[in-house]
Amino acid sequence: MIKKWLSYRERALLGRDLKPEEARYVTEVVRRIAALVLMQPELDANYERVKADVWEWEK
């Protein structure tokens, strides 16, 4: 996704460099993705705890 986003903003296509707000945007996206990747083990563990403690509906 990021590679494609950047490829559409190459200087040859746009005729200009990235604007500061565009660079900030892609940097924020990358940081959010990195944070989610780092949180993955904790998120998985939390999901397993919740899944183990669900209330079963009566049939």
PDB file of N, CA and C in Angstrom:
ATOM      1  N   MET A   1       0.820  -1.179   0.000  1.00  0.00           N
ATOM      2  CA  MET A   1       0.000   0.000   0.000  1.00  0.00           C
ATOM      3  C   MET A   1       0.868   1.249   0.000  1.00  0.00           C
ATOM      4  N   ILE A   2       1.843   1.308   0.877  1.00  0.00           N
ATOM      5  CA  ILE A   2       2.691   2.493   0.987  1.00  0.00           C
ATOM      6  C   ILE A   2       3.529   2.659  -0.274  1.00  0.00           C
ATOM      7  N   LYS A   3       4.066   1.537  -0.748  1.00  0.00           N
ATOM      8  CA  LYS A   3       4.882   1.599  -1.963  1.00  0.00           C
ATOM      9  C   LYS A   3       4.058   2.133  -3.132  1.00  0.00           C
ATOM     10  N   LYS A   4       2.825   1.667  -3.254  1.00  0.00           N
ATOM     11  CA  LYS A   4       1.953   2.127  -4.336  1.00  0.00           C
ATOM     12  C   LYS A   4       1.620   3.606  -4.158  1.00  0.00           C
ATOM     13  N   TRP A   5       1.301   4.021  -2.921  1.00  0.00           N
ATOM     14  CA  TRP A   5       0.986   5.415  -2.632  1.00  0.00           C
ATOM     15  C   TRP A   5       2.155   6.302  -3.046  1.00  0.00           C
ATOM     16  N   LEU A   6       3.354   5.892  -2.666  1.00  0.00           N
ATOM     17  CA  LEU A   6       4.534   6.679  -3.021  1.00  0.00           C
ATOM     18  C   LEU A   6       4.796   6.656  -4.526  1.00  0.00           C
ATOM     19  N   SER A   7       4.535   5.525  -5.174  1.00  0.00           N
ATOM     20  CA  SER A   7       4.810   5.436  -6.609  1.00  0.00           C
ATOM     21  C   SER A   7       3.946   6.421  -7.407  1.00  0.00           C
ATOM     22  N   TYR A   8       2.744   6.702  -6.940  1.00  0.00           N
ATOM     23  CA  TYR A   8       1.881   7.659  -7.616  1.00  0.00           C
ATOM     24  C   TYR A   8       2.296   9.101  -7.339  1.00  0.00           C
ATOM     25  N   ARG A   9       3.238   9.265  -6.438  1.00  0.00           N
ATOM     26  CA  ARG A   9       3.692  10.608  -6.088  1.00  0.00           C
ATOM     27  C   ARG A   9       5.159  10.845  -6.456  1.00  0.00           C
ATOM     28  N   GLU A  10       5.637  10.065  -7.409  1.00  0.00           N
ATOM     29  CA  GLU A  10       6.997  10.276  -7.886  1.00  0.00           C
ATOM     30  C   GLU A  10       7.082  11.621  -8.606  1.00  0.00           C
ATOM     31  N   ARG A  11       8.228  12.215  -8.502  1.00  0.00           N
ATOM     32  CA  ARG A  11       8.422  13.527  -9.100  1.00  0.00           C
ATOM     33  C   ARG A  11       8.110  13.524 -10.602  1.00  0.00           C
ATOM     34  N   ALA A  12       8.483  12.436 -11.288  1.00  0.00           N
ATOM     35  CA  ALA A  12       8.243  12.351 -12.734  1.00  0.00           C
ATOM     36  C   ALA A  12       6.751  12.385 -13.059  1.00  0.00           C
ATOM     37  N   LEU A  13       5.916  11.825 -12.181  1.00  0.00           N
ATOM     38  CA  LEU A  13       4.468  11.824 -12.419  1.00  0.00           C
ATOM     39  C   LEU A  13       3.805  13.128 -11.992  1.00  0.00           C
ATOM     40  N   LEU A  14       4.208  13.608 -10.805  1.00  0.00           N
ATOM     41  CA  LEU A  14       3.582  14.822 -10.283  1.00  0.00           C
ATOM     42  C   LEU A  14       4.185  16.100 -10.844  1.00  0.00           C
ATOM     43  N   GLY A  15       5.446  16.005 -11.250  1.00  0.00           N
ATOM     44  CA  GLY A  15       6.129  17.207 -11.704  1.00  0.00           C
ATOM     45  C   GLY A  15       6.577  18.089 -10.555  1.00  0.00           C
ATOM     46  N   ARG A  16       6.587  17.524  -9.350  1.00  0.00           N
ATOM     47  CA  ARG A  16       7.017  18.283  -8.157  1.00  0.00           C
ATOM     48  C   ARG A  16       7.439  17.300  -7.071  1.00  0.00           C
ATOM     49  N   ASP A  17       8.120  17.816  -6.067  1.00  0.00           N
ATOM     50  CA  ASP A  17       8.460  17.004  -4.900  1.00  0.00           C
ATOM     51  C   ASP A  17       7.223  16.819  -4.025  1.00  0.00           C
ATOM     52  N   LEU A  18       7.324  15.876  -3.093  1.00  0.00           N
ATOM     53  CA  LEU A  18       6.240  15.716  -2.118  1.00  0.00           C
ATOM     54  C   LEU A  18       6.104  16.981  -1.293  1.00  0.00           C
ATOM     55  N   LYS A  19       4.878  17.332  -0.992  1.00  0.00           N
ATOM     56  CA  LYS A  19       4.634  18.460  -0.093  1.00  0.00           C
ATOM     57  C   LYS A  19       4.902  17.986   1.329  1.00  0.00           C
ATOM     58  N   PRO A  20       5.264  18.899   2.229  1.00  0.00           N
ATOM     59  CA  PRO A  20       5.520  18.499   3.627  1.00  0.00           C
ATOM     60  C   PRO A  20       4.346  17.757   4.260  1.00  0.00           C
ATOM     61  N   GLU A  21       3.114  18.165   3.975  1.00  0.00           N
ATOM     62  CA  GLU A  21       1.953  17.485   4.563  1.00  0.00           C
ATOM     63  C   GLU A  21       1.796  16.072   4.009  1.00  0.00           C
ATOM     64  N   GLU A  22       2.184  15.858   2.756  1.00  0.00           N
ATOM     65  CA  GLU A  22       2.143  14.513   2.187  1.00  0.00           C
ATOM     66  C   GLU A  22       3.194  13.619   2.838  1.00  0.00           C
ATOM     67  N   ALA A  23       4.369  14.157   3.051  1.00  0.00           N
ATOM     68  CA  ALA A  23       5.425  13.396   3.716  1.00  0.00           C
ATOM     69  C   ALA A  23       5.030  13.072   5.149  1.00  0.00           C
ATOM     70  N   ARG A  24       4.416  14.037   5.843  1.00  0.00           N
ATOM     71  CA  ARG A  24       3.946  13.789   7.214  1.00  0.00           C
ATOM     72  C   ARG A  24       2.878  12.710   7.235  1.00  0.00           C
ATOM     73  N   TYR A  25       1.969  12.759   6.274  1.00  0.00           N
ATOM     74  CA  TYR A  25       0.887  11.775   6.205  1.00  0.00           C
ATOM     75  C   TYR A  25       1.441  10.359   6.071  1.00  0.00           C
ATOM     76  N   VAL A  26       2.333  10.148   5.115  1.00  0.00           N
ATOM     77  CA  VAL A  26       2.861   8.801   4.909  1.00  0.00           C
ATOM     78  C   VAL A  26       3.706   8.366   6.104  1.00  0.00           C
ATOM     79  N   THR A  27       4.395   9.292   6.737  1.00  0.00           N
ATOM     80  CA  THR A  27       5.162   8.968   7.947  1.00  0.00           C
ATOM     81  C   THR A  27       4.231   8.521   9.068  1.00  0.00           C
ATOM     82  N   GLU A  28       3.110   9.206   9.240  1.00  0.00           N
ATOM     83  CA  GLU A  28       2.139   8.820  10.271  1.00  0.00           C
ATOM     84  C   GLU A  28       1.556   7.439   9.991  1.00  0.00           C
ATOM     85  N   VAL A  29       1.256   7.151   8.742  1.00  0.00           N
ATOM     86  CA  VAL A  29       0.720   5.840   8.374  1.00  0.00           C
ATOM     87  C   VAL A  29       1.729   4.746   8.714  1.00  0.00           C
ATOM     88  N   VAL A  30       2.979   4.967   8.358  1.00  0.00           N
ATOM     89  CA  VAL A  30       4.029   3.979   8.641  1.00  0.00           C
ATOM     90  C   VAL A  30       4.183   3.780  10.144  1.00  0.00           C
ATOM     91  N   ARG A  31       4.146   4.849  10.907  1.00  0.00           N
ATOM     92  CA  ARG A  31       4.263   4.732  12.373  1.00  0.00           C
ATOM     93  C   ARG A  31       3.096   3.944  12.965  1.00  0.00           C
ATOM     94  N   ARG A  32       1.887   4.186  12.460  1.00  0.00           N
ATOM     95  CA  ARG A  32       0.723   3.443  12.968  1.00  0.00           C
ATOM     96  C   ARG A  32       0.828   1.964  12.647  1.00  0.00           C
ATOM     97  N   ILE A  33       1.255   1.650  11.437  1.00  0.00           N
ATOM     98  CA  ILE A  33       1.419   0.248  11.066  1.00  0.00           C
ATOM     99  C   ILE A  33       2.491  -0.405  11.920  1.00  0.00           C
ATOM    100  N   ALA A  34       3.602   0.286  12.140  1.00  0.00           N
ATOM    101  CA  ALA A  34       4.678  -0.251  12.982  1.00  0.00           C
ATOM    102  C   ALA A  34       4.189  -0.485  14.404  1.00  0.00           C
ATOM    103  N   ALA A  35       3.389   0.432  14.942  1.00  0.00           N
ATOM    104  CA  ALA A  35       2.858   0.268  16.296  1.00  0.00           C
ATOM    105  C   ALA A  35       1.959  -0.954  16.375  1.00  0.00           C
ATOM    106  N   LEU A  36       1.122  -1.162  15.369  1.00  0.00           N
ATOM    107  CA  LEU A  36       0.246  -2.338  15.363  1.00  0.00           C
ATOM    108  C   LEU A  36       1.052  -3.629  15.282  1.00  0.00           C
ATOM    109  N   VAL A  37       2.104  -3.632  14.472  1.00  0.00           N
ATOM    110  CA  VAL A  37       2.947  -4.816  14.369  1.00  0.00           C
ATOM    111  C   VAL A  37       3.612  -5.115  15.715  1.00  0.00           C
ATOM    112  N   LEU A  38       4.099  -4.083  16.386  1.00  0.00           N
ATOM    113  CA  LEU A  38       4.733  -4.285  17.690  1.00  0.00           C
ATOM    114  C   LEU A  38       3.735  -4.732  18.752  1.00  0.00           C
ATOM    115  N   MET A  39       2.491  -4.308  18.626  1.00  0.00           N
ATOM    116  CA  MET A  39       1.453  -4.671  19.593  1.00  0.00           C
ATOM    117  C   MET A  39       0.837  -6.039  19.317  1.00  0.00           C
ATOM    118  N   GLN A  40       1.155  -6.644  18.196  1.00  0.00           N
ATOM    119  CA  GLN A  40       0.492  -7.877  17.769  1.00  0.00           C
ATOM    120  C   GLN A  40       0.472  -8.976  18.836  1.00  0.00           C
ATOM    121  N   PRO A  41       1.602  -9.292  19.488  1.00  0.00           N
ATOM    122  CA  PRO A  41       1.538 -10.348  20.512  1.00  0.00           C
ATOM    123  C   PRO A  41       0.562 -10.007  21.651  1.00  0.00           C
ATOM    124  N   GLU A  42       0.566  -8.765  22.081  1.00  0.00           N
ATOM    125  CA  GLU A  42      -0.343  -8.353  23.159  1.00  0.00           C
ATOM    126  C   GLU A  42      -1.796  -8.391  22.690  1.00  0.00           C
ATOM    127  N   LEU A  43      -2.040  -7.958  21.469  1.00  0.00           N
ATOM    128  CA  LEU A  43      -3.401  -8.005  20.923  1.00  0.00           C
ATOM    129  C   LEU A  43      -3.888  -9.441  20.790  1.00  0.00           C
ATOM    130  N   ASP A  44      -3.012 -10.328  20.322  1.00  0.00           N
ATOM    131  CA  ASP A  44      -3.381 -11.737  20.193  1.00  0.00           C
ATOM    132  C   ASP A  44      -3.702 -12.348  21.555  1.00  0.00           C
ATOM    133  N   ALA A  45      -2.871 -12.045  22.552  1.00  0.00           N
ATOM    134  CA  ALA A  45      -3.094 -12.581  23.901  1.00  0.00           C
ATOM    135  C   ALA A  45      -4.412 -12.058  24.472  1.00  0.00           C
ATOM    136  N   ASN A  46      -4.690 -10.787  24.259  1.00  0.00           N
ATOM    137  CA  ASN A  46      -5.942 -10.213  24.737  1.00  0.00           C
ATOM    138  C   ASN A  46      -7.135 -10.873  24.057  1.00  0.00           C
ATOM    139  N   TYR A  47      -7.044 -11.099  22.770  1.00  0.00           N
ATOM    140  CA  TYR A  47      -8.116 -11.769  22.043  1.00  0.00           C
ATOM    141  C   TYR A  47      -8.361 -13.172  22.597  1.00  0.00           C
ATOM    142  N   GLU A  48      -7.288 -13.911  22.867  1.00  0.00           N
ATOM    143  CA  GLU A  48      -7.436 -15.266  23.403  1.00  0.00           C
ATOM    144  C   GLU A  48      -8.084 -15.240  24.785  1.00  0.00           C
ATOM    145  N   ARG A  49      -7.734 -14.254  25.636  1.00  0.00           N
ATOM    146  CA  ARG A  49      -8.359 -14.135  26.965  1.00  0.00           C
ATOM    147  C   ARG A  49      -9.848 -13.855  26.835  1.00  0.00           C
ATOM    148  N   VAL A  50     -10.210 -12.956  25.957  1.00  0.00           N
ATOM    149  CA  VAL A  50     -11.626 -12.615  25.763  1.00  0.00           C
ATOM    150  C   VAL A  50     -12.376 -13.807  25.182  1.00  0.00           C
ATOM    151  N   LYS A  51     -11.787 -14.461  24.203  1.00  0.00           N
ATOM    152  CA  LYS A  51     -12.436 -15.606  23.569  1.00  0.00           C
ATOM    153  C   LYS A  51     -12.673 -16.734  24.569  1.00  0.00           C
ATOM    154  N   ALA A  52     -11.772 -16.908  25.523  1.00  0.00           N
ATOM    155  CA  ALA A  52     -11.908 -17.975  26.508  1.00  0.00           C
ATOM    156  C   ALA A  52     -12.971 -17.652  27.558  1.00  0.00           C
ATOM    157  N   ASP A  53     -13.395 -16.404  27.638  1.00  0.00           N
ATOM    158  CA  ASP A  53     -14.315 -15.991  28.691  1.00  0.00           C
ATOM    159  C   ASP A  53     -15.638 -15.469  28.125  1.00  0.00           C
ATOM    160  N   VAL A  54     -16.093 -16.065  27.037  1.00  0.00           N
ATOM    161  CA  VAL A  54     -17.362 -15.622  26.451  1.00  0.00           C
ATOM    162  C   VAL A  54     -18.524 -16.340  27.117  1.00  0.00           C
ATOM    163  N   TRP A  55     -19.675 -15.715  27.078  1.00  0.00           N
ATOM    164  CA  TRP A  55     -20.881 -16.303  27.634  1.00  0.00           C
ATOM    165  C   TRP A  55     -21.586 -17.064  26.521  1.00  0.00           C
ATOM    166  N   GLU A  56     -21.898 -18.295  26.778  1.00  0.00           N
ATOM    167  CA  GLU A  56     -22.582 -19.128  25.792  1.00  0.00           C
ATOM    168  C   GLU A  56     -24.082 -18.886  25.847  1.00  0.00           C
ATOM    169  N   TRP A  57     -24.690 -18.636  24.703  1.00  0.00           N
ATOM    170  CA  TRP A  57     -26.130 -18.455  24.612  1.00  0.00           C
ATOM    171  C   TRP A  57     -26.806 -19.819  24.740  1.00  0.00           C
ATOM    172  N   GLU A  58     -27.931 -19.806  25.395  1.00  0.00           N
ATOM    173  CA  GLU A  58     -28.696 -21.050  25.494  1.00  0.00           C
ATOM    174  C   GLU A  58     -29.358 -21.341  24.156  1.00  0.00           C
ATOM    175  N   LYS A  59     -29.448 -22.602  23.838  1.00  0.00           N
ATOM    176  CA  LYS A  59     -30.055 -22.980  22.560  1.00  0.00           C
ATOM    177  C   LYS A  59     -31.500 -23.335  22.737  1.00  0.00           C
TER     178      LYS A  59
END
